Amino acid sequence: TKYKSDGTIDKYKARLVAKGYAQQEGIDYEETFAPIAKIKTIMMIFALATQFGWKVHQMDVKSAFLNGDLQEEVYMTQPEGYVIPRKEMM
């Protein structure tokens, strides 16, 4: 929901997402990988940075993989209860 400066609703926003929880390994995908550091590794880097006077920078990339090219067709359905009068599809 997006609000105006006076607090009233400006517009409603929605996003359709793929139901990844319904995928089956070996059928819908082969393997997954998420490059995430363990907390012990992060703490060790902080300790080294403190000891040697290194500068530390932190960033978060939330949309790194949202715009990749798909090699196959993807089908989606609207959530139950979502209705636009006189329109069957978005």
PDB file of N, CA and C in Angstrom:
ATOM      1  N   THR A   1       0.844  -1.174   0.000  1.00  0.00           N
ATOM      2  CA  THR A   1       0.000   0.000   0.000  1.00  0.00           C
ATOM      3  C   THR A   1       0.890   1.238   0.000  1.00  0.00           C
ATOM      4  N   LYS A   2       0.579   2.185  -0.879  1.00  0.00           N
ATOM      5  CA  LYS A   2       1.319   3.450  -0.926  1.00  0.00           C
ATOM      6  C   LYS A   2       0.417   4.537  -0.370  1.00  0.00           C
ATOM      7  N   TYR A   3       0.977   5.356   0.525  1.00  0.00           N
ATOM      8  CA  TYR A   3       0.200   6.392   1.186  1.00  0.00           C
ATOM      9  C   TYR A   3       0.595   7.784   0.698  1.00  0.00           C
ATOM     10  N   LYS A   4      -0.362   8.693   0.732  1.00  0.00           N
ATOM     11  CA  LYS A   4      -0.101  10.102   0.435  1.00  0.00           C
ATOM     12  C   LYS A   4       0.503  10.750   1.678  1.00  0.00           C
ATOM     13  N   SER A   5       0.999  11.976   1.530  1.00  0.00           N
ATOM     14  CA  SER A   5       1.629  12.662   2.660  1.00  0.00           C
ATOM     15  C   SER A   5       0.651  12.925   3.802  1.00  0.00           C
ATOM     16  N   ASP A   6      -0.657  12.994   3.500  1.00  0.00           N
ATOM     17  CA  ASP A   6      -1.648  13.234   4.558  1.00  0.00           C
ATOM     18  C   ASP A   6      -2.101  11.951   5.252  1.00  0.00           C
ATOM     19  N   GLY A   7      -1.525  10.801   4.851  1.00  0.00           N
ATOM     20  CA  GLY A   7      -1.849   9.533   5.494  1.00  0.00           C
ATOM     21  C   GLY A   7      -2.939   8.732   4.821  1.00  0.00           C
ATOM     22  N   THR A   8      -3.620   9.289   3.824  1.00  0.00           N
ATOM     23  CA  THR A   8      -4.646   8.534   3.109  1.00  0.00           C
ATOM     24  C   THR A   8      -3.988   7.627   2.074  1.00  0.00           C
ATOM     25  N   ILE A   9      -4.732   6.610   1.662  1.00  0.00           N
ATOM     26  CA  ILE A   9      -4.196   5.641   0.709  1.00  0.00           C
ATOM     27  C   ILE A   9      -4.149   6.253  -0.685  1.00  0.00           C
ATOM     28  N   ASP A  10      -2.975   6.183  -1.306  1.00  0.00           N
ATOM     29  CA  ASP A  10      -2.781   6.669  -2.671  1.00  0.00           C
ATOM     30  C   ASP A  10      -3.113   5.564  -3.663  1.00  0.00           C
ATOM     31  N   LYS A  11      -2.518   4.372  -3.454  1.00  0.00           N
ATOM     32  CA  LYS A  11      -2.809   3.231  -4.318  1.00  0.00           C
ATOM     33  C   LYS A  11      -2.358   1.951  -3.627  1.00  0.00           C
ATOM     34  N   TYR A  12      -2.928   0.855  -4.078  1.00  0.00           N
ATOM     35  CA  TYR A  12      -2.536  -0.457  -3.590  1.00  0.00           C
ATOM     36  C   TYR A  12      -1.531  -1.048  -4.569  1.00  0.00           C
ATOM     37  N   LYS A  13      -0.523  -1.703  -4.042  1.00  0.00           N
ATOM     38  CA  LYS A  13       0.484  -2.330  -4.890  1.00  0.00           C
ATOM     39  C   LYS A  13       0.476  -3.831  -4.603  1.00  0.00           C
ATOM     40  N   ALA A  14       0.745  -4.613  -5.634  1.00  0.00           N
ATOM     41  CA  ALA A  14       0.800  -6.063  -5.470  1.00  0.00           C
ATOM     42  C   ALA A  14       1.887  -6.625  -6.368  1.00  0.00           C
ATOM     43  N   ARG A  15       2.324  -7.817  -6.049  1.00  0.00           N
ATOM     44  CA  ARG A  15       3.348  -8.481  -6.841  1.00  0.00           C
ATOM     45  C   ARG A  15       2.994  -9.960  -6.943  1.00  0.00           C
ATOM     46  N   LEU A  16       3.007 -10.486  -8.149  1.00  0.00           N
ATOM     47  CA  LEU A  16       2.820 -11.917  -8.333  1.00  0.00           C
ATOM     48  C   LEU A  16       4.180 -12.589  -8.226  1.00  0.00           C
ATOM     49  N   VAL A  17       4.238 -13.691  -7.507  1.00  0.00           N
ATOM     50  CA  VAL A  17       5.498 -14.406  -7.349  1.00  0.00           C
ATOM     51  C   VAL A  17       5.302 -15.875  -7.698  1.00  0.00           C
ATOM     52  N   ALA A  18       6.348 -16.491  -8.173  1.00  0.00           N
ATOM     53  CA  ALA A  18       6.290 -17.915  -8.496  1.00  0.00           C
ATOM     54  C   ALA A  18       6.200 -18.722  -7.201  1.00  0.00           C
ATOM     55  N   LYS A  19       5.447 -19.811  -7.237  1.00  0.00           N
ATOM     56  CA  LYS A  19       5.292 -20.655  -6.052  1.00  0.00           C
ATOM     57  C   LYS A  19       6.467 -21.644  -5.983  1.00  0.00           C
ATOM     58  N   GLY A  20       7.607 -21.152  -5.547  1.00  0.00           N
ATOM     59  CA  GLY A  20       8.795 -21.985  -5.478  1.00  0.00           C
ATOM     60  C   GLY A  20       8.648 -23.166  -4.535  1.00  0.00           C
ATOM     61  N   TYR A  21       7.784 -23.040  -3.545  1.00  0.00           N
ATOM     62  CA  TYR A  21       7.576 -24.128  -2.590  1.00  0.00           C
ATOM     63  C   TYR A  21       6.948 -25.357  -3.242  1.00  0.00           C
ATOM     64  N   ALA A  22       6.373 -25.212  -4.433  1.00  0.00           N
ATOM     65  CA  ALA A  22       5.727 -26.333  -5.110  1.00  0.00           C
ATOM     66  C   ALA A  22       6.695 -27.078  -6.029  1.00  0.00           C
ATOM     67  N   GLN A  23       7.927 -26.591  -6.160  1.00  0.00           N
ATOM     68  CA  GLN A  23       8.891 -27.230  -7.050  1.00  0.00           C
ATOM     69  C   GLN A  23       9.427 -28.518  -6.434  1.00  0.00           C
ATOM     70  N   GLN A  24       9.799 -29.448  -7.319  1.00  0.00           N
ATOM     71  CA  GLN A  24      10.356 -30.713  -6.870  1.00  0.00           C
ATOM     72  C   GLN A  24      11.766 -30.858  -7.431  1.00  0.00           C
ATOM     73  N   GLU A  25      12.708 -31.197  -6.551  1.00  0.00           N
ATOM     74  CA  GLU A  25      14.092 -31.362  -6.979  1.00  0.00           C
ATOM     75  C   GLU A  25      14.193 -32.474  -8.016  1.00  0.00           C
ATOM     76  N   GLY A  26      14.964 -32.240  -9.063  1.00  0.00           N
ATOM     77  CA  GLY A  26      15.126 -33.215 -10.137  1.00  0.00           C
ATOM     78  C   GLY A  26      14.101 -33.071 -11.243  1.00  0.00           C
ATOM     79  N   ILE A  27      12.972 -32.408 -10.948  1.00  0.00           N
ATOM     80  CA  ILE A  27      11.937 -32.181 -11.961  1.00  0.00           C
ATOM     81  C   ILE A  27      11.941 -30.713 -12.372  1.00  0.00           C
ATOM     82  N   ASP A  28      11.806 -29.825 -11.408  1.00  0.00           N
ATOM     83  CA  ASP A  28      11.733 -28.389 -11.680  1.00  0.00           C
ATOM     84  C   ASP A  28      13.095 -27.698 -11.585  1.00  0.00           C
ATOM     85  N   TYR A  29      14.035 -28.299 -10.896  1.00  0.00           N
ATOM     86  CA  TYR A  29      15.374 -27.729 -10.769  1.00  0.00           C
ATOM     87  C   TYR A  29      16.338 -28.840 -10.394  1.00  0.00           C
ATOM     88  N   GLU A  30      17.624 -28.604 -10.637  1.00  0.00           N
ATOM     89  CA  GLU A  30      18.641 -29.612 -10.332  1.00  0.00           C
ATOM     90  C   GLU A  30      19.303 -29.359  -8.978  1.00  0.00           C
ATOM     91  N   GLU A  31      19.705 -28.120  -8.744  1.00  0.00           N
ATOM     92  CA  GLU A  31      20.353 -27.806  -7.473  1.00  0.00           C
ATOM     93  C   GLU A  31      20.167 -26.325  -7.172  1.00  0.00           C
ATOM     94  N   THR A  32      20.341 -25.968  -5.916  1.00  0.00           N
ATOM     95  CA  THR A  32      20.251 -24.564  -5.522  1.00  0.00           C
ATOM     96  C   THR A  32      21.517 -24.186  -4.767  1.00  0.00           C
ATOM     97  N   PHE A  33      21.803 -22.902  -4.754  1.00  0.00           N
ATOM     98  CA  PHE A  33      22.996 -22.424  -4.063  1.00  0.00           C
ATOM     99  C   PHE A  33      22.752 -21.007  -3.584  1.00  0.00           C
ATOM    100  N   ALA A  34      23.097 -20.735  -2.359  1.00  0.00           N
ATOM    101  CA  ALA A  34      22.980 -19.385  -1.811  1.00  0.00           C
ATOM    102  C   ALA A  34      24.302 -19.041  -1.122  1.00  0.00           C
ATOM    103  N   PRO A  35      25.062 -18.101  -1.674  1.00  0.00           N
ATOM    104  CA  PRO A  35      26.360 -17.756  -1.087  1.00  0.00           C
ATOM    105  C   PRO A  35      26.209 -16.921   0.186  1.00  0.00           C
ATOM    106  N   ILE A  36      26.146 -17.591   1.320  1.00  0.00           N
ATOM    107  CA  ILE A  36      25.943 -16.918   2.605  1.00  0.00           C
ATOM    108  C   ILE A  36      27.112 -17.258   3.525  1.00  0.00           C
ATOM    109  N   ALA A  37      27.685 -16.235   4.138  1.00  0.00           N
ATOM    110  CA  ALA A  37      28.811 -16.443   5.054  1.00  0.00           C
ATOM    111  C   ALA A  37      28.307 -16.886   6.425  1.00  0.00           C
ATOM    112  N   LYS A  38      29.078 -17.746   7.075  1.00  0.00           N
ATOM    113  CA  LYS A  38      28.750 -18.157   8.440  1.00  0.00           C
ATOM    114  C   LYS A  38      29.119 -17.031   9.395  1.00  0.00           C
ATOM    115  N   ILE A  39      28.415 -16.939  10.510  1.00  0.00           N
ATOM    116  CA  ILE A  39      28.647 -15.866  11.480  1.00  0.00           C
ATOM    117  C   ILE A  39      30.071 -15.917  12.037  1.00  0.00           C
ATOM    118  N   LYS A  40      30.647 -17.118  12.200  1.00  0.00           N
ATOM    119  CA  LYS A  40      32.020 -17.235  12.704  1.00  0.00           C
ATOM    120  C   LYS A  40      33.011 -16.584  11.734  1.00  0.00           C
ATOM    121  N   THR A  41      32.763 -16.738  10.436  1.00  0.00           N
ATOM    122  CA  THR A  41      33.634 -16.123   9.431  1.00  0.00           C
ATOM    123  C   THR A  41      33.548 -14.606   9.500  1.00  0.00           C
ATOM    124  N   ILE A  42      32.345 -14.089   9.631  1.00  0.00           N
ATOM    125  CA  ILE A  42      32.147 -12.639   9.716  1.00  0.00           C
ATOM    126  C   ILE A  42      32.824 -12.084  10.963  1.00  0.00           C
ATOM    127  N   MET A  43      32.672 -12.764  12.094  1.00  0.00           N
ATOM    128  CA  MET A  43      33.290 -12.311  13.343  1.00  0.00           C
ATOM    129  C   MET A  43      34.819 -12.329  13.235  1.00  0.00           C
ATOM    130  N   MET A  44      35.369 -13.341  12.538  1.00  0.00           N
ATOM    131  CA  MET A  44      36.812 -13.415  12.362  1.00  0.00           C
ATOM    132  C   MET A  44      37.310 -12.239  11.511  1.00  0.00           C
ATOM    133  N   ILE A  45      36.573 -11.890  10.464  1.00  0.00           N
ATOM    134  CA  ILE A  45      36.954 -10.754   9.624  1.00  0.00           C
ATOM    135  C   ILE A  45      36.907  -9.461  10.430  1.00  0.00           C
ATOM    136  N   PHE A  46      35.889  -9.301  11.277  1.00  0.00           N
ATOM    137  CA  PHE A  46      35.819  -8.111  12.139  1.00  0.00           C
ATOM    138  C   PHE A  46      37.009  -8.054  13.101  1.00  0.00           C
ATOM    139  N   ALA A  47      37.386  -9.198  13.646  1.00  0.00           N
ATOM    140  CA  ALA A  47      38.529  -9.240  14.566  1.00  0.00           C
ATOM    141  C   ALA A  47      39.816  -8.851  13.836  1.00  0.00           C
ATOM    142  N   LEU A  48      40.015  -9.383  12.625  1.00  0.00           N
ATOM    143  CA  LEU A  48      41.203  -9.034  11.839  1.00  0.00           C
ATOM    144  C   LEU A  48      41.198  -7.555  11.461  1.00  0.00           C
ATOM    145  N   ALA A  49      40.026  -7.043  11.089  1.00  0.00           N
ATOM    146  CA  ALA A  49      39.911  -5.626  10.729  1.00  0.00           C
ATOM    147  C   ALA A  49      40.263  -4.738  11.915  1.00  0.00           C
ATOM    148  N   THR A  50      39.843  -5.141  13.100  1.00  0.00           N
ATOM    149  CA  THR A  50      40.165  -4.373  14.307  1.00  0.00           C
ATOM    150  C   THR A  50      41.661  -4.429  14.593  1.00  0.00           C
ATOM    151  N   GLN A  51      42.228  -5.622  14.495  1.00  0.00           N
ATOM    152  CA  GLN A  51      43.650  -5.808  14.803  1.00  0.00           C
ATOM    153  C   GLN A  51      44.551  -5.038  13.832  1.00  0.00           C
ATOM    154  N   PHE A  52      44.211  -5.057  12.548  1.00  0.00           N
ATOM    155  CA  PHE A  52      45.079  -4.449  11.536  1.00  0.00           C
ATOM    156  C   PHE A  52      44.611  -3.075  11.062  1.00  0.00           C
ATOM    157  N   GLY A  53      43.537  -2.555  11.631  1.00  0.00           N
ATOM    158  CA  GLY A  53      43.056  -1.226  11.273  1.00  0.00           C
ATOM    159  C   GLY A  53      42.435  -1.143   9.881  1.00  0.00           C
ATOM    160  N   TRP A  54      41.860  -2.250   9.421  1.00  0.00           N
ATOM    161  CA  TRP A  54      41.230  -2.262   8.097  1.00  0.00           C
ATOM    162  C   TRP A  54      39.908  -1.506   8.134  1.00  0.00           C
ATOM    163  N   LYS A  55      39.553  -0.891   7.017  1.00  0.00           N
ATOM    164  CA  LYS A  55      38.223  -0.300   6.888  1.00  0.00           C
ATOM    165  C   LYS A  55      37.244  -1.415   6.532  1.00  0.00           C
ATOM    166  N   VAL A  56      36.072  -1.370   7.114  1.00  0.00           N
ATOM    167  CA  VAL A  56      35.047  -2.383   6.854  1.00  0.00           C
ATOM    168  C   VAL A  56      33.847  -1.706   6.212  1.00  0.00           C
ATOM    169  N   HIS A  57      33.368  -2.281   5.120  1.00  0.00           N
ATOM    170  CA  HIS A  57      32.177  -1.776   4.438  1.00  0.00           C
ATOM    171  C   HIS A  57      31.156  -2.905   4.373  1.00  0.00           C
ATOM    172  N   GLN A  58      29.889  -2.562   4.504  1.00  0.00           N
ATOM    173  CA  GLN A  58      28.809  -3.544   4.452  1.00  0.00           C
ATOM    174  C   GLN A  58      27.796  -3.085   3.427  1.00  0.00           C
ATOM    175  N   MET A  59      27.240  -4.041   2.660  1.00  0.00           N
ATOM    176  CA  MET A  59      26.173  -3.705   1.720  1.00  0.00           C
ATOM    177  C   MET A  59      25.218  -4.881   1.615  1.00  0.00           C
ATOM    178  N   ASP A  60      24.043  -4.596   1.131  1.00  0.00           N
ATOM    179  CA  ASP A  60      23.011  -5.609   0.972  1.00  0.00           C
ATOM    180  C   ASP A  60      22.450  -5.480  -0.437  1.00  0.00           C
ATOM    181  N   VAL A  61      22.525  -6.539  -1.215  1.00  0.00           N
ATOM    182  CA  VAL A  61      22.018  -6.526  -2.587  1.00  0.00           C
ATOM    183  C   VAL A  61      20.771  -7.403  -2.615  1.00  0.00           C
ATOM    184  N   LYS A  62      19.603  -6.764  -2.573  1.00  0.00           N
ATOM    185  CA  LYS A  62      18.349  -7.512  -2.499  1.00  0.00           C
ATOM    186  C   LYS A  62      17.801  -7.901  -3.865  1.00  0.00           C
ATOM    187  N   SER A  63      18.189  -7.198  -4.914  1.00  0.00           N
ATOM    188  CA  SER A  63      17.601  -7.469  -6.223  1.00  0.00           C
ATOM    189  C   SER A  63      18.618  -8.024  -7.213  1.00  0.00           C
ATOM    190  N   ALA A  64      19.628  -8.713  -6.721  1.00  0.00           N
ATOM    191  CA  ALA A  64      20.705  -9.182  -7.590  1.00  0.00           C
ATOM    192  C   ALA A  64      20.231 -10.171  -8.646  1.00  0.00           C
ATOM    193  N   PHE A  65      19.272 -11.027  -8.329  1.00  0.00           N
ATOM    194  CA  PHE A  65      18.888 -12.085  -9.254  1.00  0.00           C
ATOM    195  C   PHE A  65      17.453 -11.957  -9.743  1.00  0.00           C
ATOM    196  N   LEU A  66      16.857 -10.777  -9.628  1.00  0.00           N
ATOM    197  CA  LEU A  66      15.457 -10.616 -10.008  1.00  0.00           C
ATOM    198  C   LEU A  66      15.246 -10.427 -11.502  1.00  0.00           C
ATOM    199  N   ASN A  67      16.265 -10.051 -12.239  1.00  0.00           N
ATOM    200  CA  ASN A  67      16.076  -9.699 -13.635  1.00  0.00           C
ATOM    201  C   ASN A  67      16.846 -10.594 -14.596  1.00  0.00           C
ATOM    202  N   GLY A  68      16.982 -11.846 -14.274  1.00  0.00           N
ATOM    203  CA  GLY A  68      17.686 -12.770 -15.150  1.00  0.00           C
ATOM    204  C   GLY A  68      16.837 -13.182 -16.339  1.00  0.00           C
ATOM    205  N   ASP A  69      17.491 -13.668 -17.392  1.00  0.00           N
ATOM    206  CA  ASP A  69      16.784 -14.144 -18.578  1.00  0.00           C
ATOM    207  C   ASP A  69      16.322 -15.577 -18.348  1.00  0.00           C
ATOM    208  N   LEU A  70      15.051 -15.853 -18.620  1.00  0.00           N
ATOM    209  CA  LEU A  70      14.504 -17.197 -18.468  1.00  0.00           C
ATOM    210  C   LEU A  70      14.662 -17.967 -19.772  1.00  0.00           C
ATOM    211  N   GLN A  71      14.975 -19.243 -19.660  1.00  0.00           N
ATOM    212  CA  GLN A  71      15.116 -20.101 -20.835  1.00  0.00           C
ATOM    213  C   GLN A  71      13.854 -20.924 -21.088  1.00  0.00           C
ATOM    214  N   GLU A  72      12.892 -20.873 -20.165  1.00  0.00           N
ATOM    215  CA  GLU A  72      11.665 -21.650 -20.315  1.00  0.00           C
ATOM    216  C   GLU A  72      10.462 -20.767 -20.017  1.00  0.00           C
ATOM    217  N   GLU A  73       9.275 -21.254 -20.409  1.00  0.00           N
ATOM    218  CA  GLU A  73       8.049 -20.504 -20.142  1.00  0.00           C
ATOM    219  C   GLU A  73       7.650 -20.684 -18.681  1.00  0.00           C
ATOM    220  N   VAL A  74       7.088 -19.633 -18.104  1.00  0.00           N
ATOM    221  CA  VAL A  74       6.627 -19.670 -16.717  1.00  0.00           C
ATOM    222  C   VAL A  74       5.157 -19.295 -16.707  1.00  0.00           C
ATOM    223  N   TYR A  75       4.327 -20.101 -16.050  1.00  0.00           N
ATOM    224  CA  TYR A  75       2.895 -19.847 -15.966  1.00  0.00           C
ATOM    225  C   TYR A  75       2.540 -19.463 -14.540  1.00  0.00           C
ATOM    226  N   MET A  76       1.652 -18.474 -14.395  1.00  0.00           N
ATOM    227  CA  MET A  76       1.239 -18.019 -13.071  1.00  0.00           C
ATOM    228  C   MET A  76      -0.272 -17.889 -13.023  1.00  0.00           C
ATOM    229  N   THR A  77      -0.819 -17.986 -11.822  1.00  0.00           N
ATOM    230  CA  THR A  77      -2.241 -17.749 -11.615  1.00  0.00           C
ATOM    231  C   THR A  77      -2.395 -16.653 -10.577  1.00  0.00           C
ATOM    232  N   GLN A  78      -3.504 -15.940 -10.662  1.00  0.00           N
ATOM    233  CA  GLN A  78      -3.777 -14.895  -9.676  1.00  0.00           C
ATOM    234  C   GLN A  78      -4.201 -15.538  -8.363  1.00  0.00           C
ATOM    235  N   PRO A  79      -3.928 -14.887  -7.242  1.00  0.00           N
ATOM    236  CA  PRO A  79      -4.351 -15.423  -5.948  1.00  0.00           C
ATOM    237  C   PRO A  79      -5.873 -15.513  -5.862  1.00  0.00           C
ATOM    238  N   GLU A  80      -6.350 -16.491  -5.096  1.00  0.00           N
ATOM    239  CA  GLU A  80      -7.795 -16.616  -4.888  1.00  0.00           C
ATOM    240  C   GLU A  80      -8.342 -15.337  -4.292  1.00  0.00           C
ATOM    241  N   GLY A  81      -9.493 -14.917  -4.768  1.00  0.00           N
ATOM    242  CA  GLY A  81     -10.133 -13.727  -4.234  1.00  0.00           C
ATOM    243  C   GLY A  81      -9.723 -12.445  -4.922  1.00  0.00           C
ATOM    244  N   TYR A  82      -8.695 -12.498  -5.775  1.00  0.00           N
ATOM    245  CA  TYR A  82      -8.262 -11.302  -6.494  1.00  0.00           C
ATOM    246  C   TYR A  82      -9.106 -11.177  -7.750  1.00  0.00           C
ATOM    247  N   VAL A  83      -9.936 -10.150  -7.807  1.00  0.00           N
ATOM    248  CA  VAL A  83     -10.856  -9.980  -8.929  1.00  0.00           C
ATOM    249  C   VAL A  83     -10.783  -8.545  -9.440  1.00  0.00           C
ATOM    250  N   ILE A  84     -10.674  -8.406 -10.750  1.00  0.00           N
ATOM    251  CA  ILE A  84     -10.798  -7.109 -11.402  1.00  0.00           C
ATOM    252  C   ILE A  84     -12.061  -7.197 -12.251  1.00  0.00           C
ATOM    253  N   PRO A  85     -13.069  -6.383 -11.966  1.00  0.00           N
ATOM    254  CA  PRO A  85     -14.315  -6.463 -12.727  1.00  0.00           C
ATOM    255  C   PRO A  85     -14.075  -6.354 -14.233  1.00  0.00           C
ATOM    256  N   ARG A  86     -14.747  -7.203 -14.992  1.00  0.00           N
ATOM    257  CA  ARG A  86     -14.704  -7.245 -16.451  1.00  0.00           C
ATOM    258  C   ARG A  86     -13.331  -7.627 -17.007  1.00  0.00           C
ATOM    259  N   LYS A  87     -12.466  -8.173 -16.186  1.00  0.00           N
ATOM    260  CA  LYS A  87     -11.161  -8.627 -16.677  1.00  0.00           C
ATOM    261  C   LYS A  87     -10.869  -9.999 -16.083  1.00  0.00           C
ATOM    262  N   GLU A  88     -10.490 -10.931 -16.941  1.00  0.00           N
ATOM    263  CA  GLU A  88     -10.172 -12.265 -16.455  1.00  0.00           C
ATOM    264  C   GLU A  88      -8.689 -12.436 -16.157  1.00  0.00           C
ATOM    265  N   MET A  89      -7.850 -11.614 -16.777  1.00  0.00           N
ATOM    266  CA  MET A  89      -6.405 -11.726 -16.577  1.00  0.00           C
ATOM    267  C   MET A  89      -5.814 -10.349 -16.376  1.00  0.00           C
ATOM    268  N   MET A  90      -4.656 -10.317 -15.752  1.00  0.00           N
ATOM    269  CA  MET A  90      -3.962  -9.044 -15.601  1.00  0.00           C
ATOM    270  C   MET A  90      -3.199  -8.740 -16.851  1.00  0.00           C
TER     271      MET A  90
END
